[in-house]
Each structure stands twice: as C-alpha cells, then as structure tokens.
C-alpha cells in the first residue's frame, strides 16, 4: 500500500491520511 501511495504523486496527502485512518480502524 505504502509503495503504491508513495509511487503515485497524484495521491493527495488527504487521501493518504484517510487510508491511514481506515487502516488504524480496521487494524
């Protein structure tokens, strides 16, 4: 997941934070 997010410059930080929150909620 991290590699894909870091690899894609089009992904905004907001989207990354959302993913992190989801991962924290599910994990």
C-alpha atoms as a PDB file:
ATOM      1  CA  UNK A   1       0.000   0.000   0.000  1.00  0.00           C
ATOM      2  CA  UNK A   2       2.694   2.475   1.041  1.00  0.00           C
ATOM      3  CA  UNK A   3       4.706   1.806  -2.117  1.00  0.00           C
ATOM      4  CA  UNK A   4       1.680   2.496  -4.299  1.00  0.00           C
ATOM      5  CA  UNK A   5       0.802   5.696  -2.413  1.00  0.00           C
ATOM      6  CA  UNK A   6       4.386   6.960  -2.497  1.00  0.00           C
ATOM      7  CA  UNK A   7       4.778   5.913  -6.121  1.00  0.00           C
ATOM      8  CA  UNK A   8       1.730   7.874  -7.253  1.00  0.00           C
ATOM      9  CA  UNK A   9       2.295  11.607  -6.981  1.00  0.00           C
ATOM     10  CA  UNK A  10      -1.354  12.232  -7.860  1.00  0.00           C
ATOM     11  CA  UNK A  11      -2.464  10.899  -4.482  1.00  0.00           C
ATOM     12  CA  UNK A  12      -3.015  13.851  -2.181  1.00  0.00           C
ATOM     13  CA  UNK A  13      -1.978  13.800   1.477  1.00  0.00           C
ATOM     14  CA  UNK A  14      -5.639  13.901   2.455  1.00  0.00           C
ATOM     15  CA  UNK A  15      -6.233  10.607   0.687  1.00  0.00           C
ATOM     16  CA  UNK A  16      -3.182   9.125   2.383  1.00  0.00           C
ATOM     17  CA  UNK A  17      -4.435  10.252   5.787  1.00  0.00           C
ATOM     18  CA  UNK A  18      -7.829   8.724   5.029  1.00  0.00           C
ATOM     19  CA  UNK A  19      -6.181   5.424   4.162  1.00  0.00           C
ATOM     20  CA  UNK A  20      -4.103   5.565   7.333  1.00  0.00           C
ATOM     21  CA  UNK A  21      -7.223   6.201   9.418  1.00  0.00           C
ATOM     22  CA  UNK A  22      -9.012   3.286   7.751  1.00  0.00           C
ATOM     23  CA  UNK A  23      -6.027   1.024   8.360  1.00  0.00           C
ATOM     24  CA  UNK A  24      -5.917   2.078  12.017  1.00  0.00           C
ATOM     25  CA  UNK A  25      -9.660   1.456  12.370  1.00  0.00           C
ATOM     26  CA  UNK A  26      -9.537  -1.950  10.709  1.00  0.00           C
ATOM     27  CA  UNK A  27      -6.156  -2.945  12.097  1.00  0.00           C
END
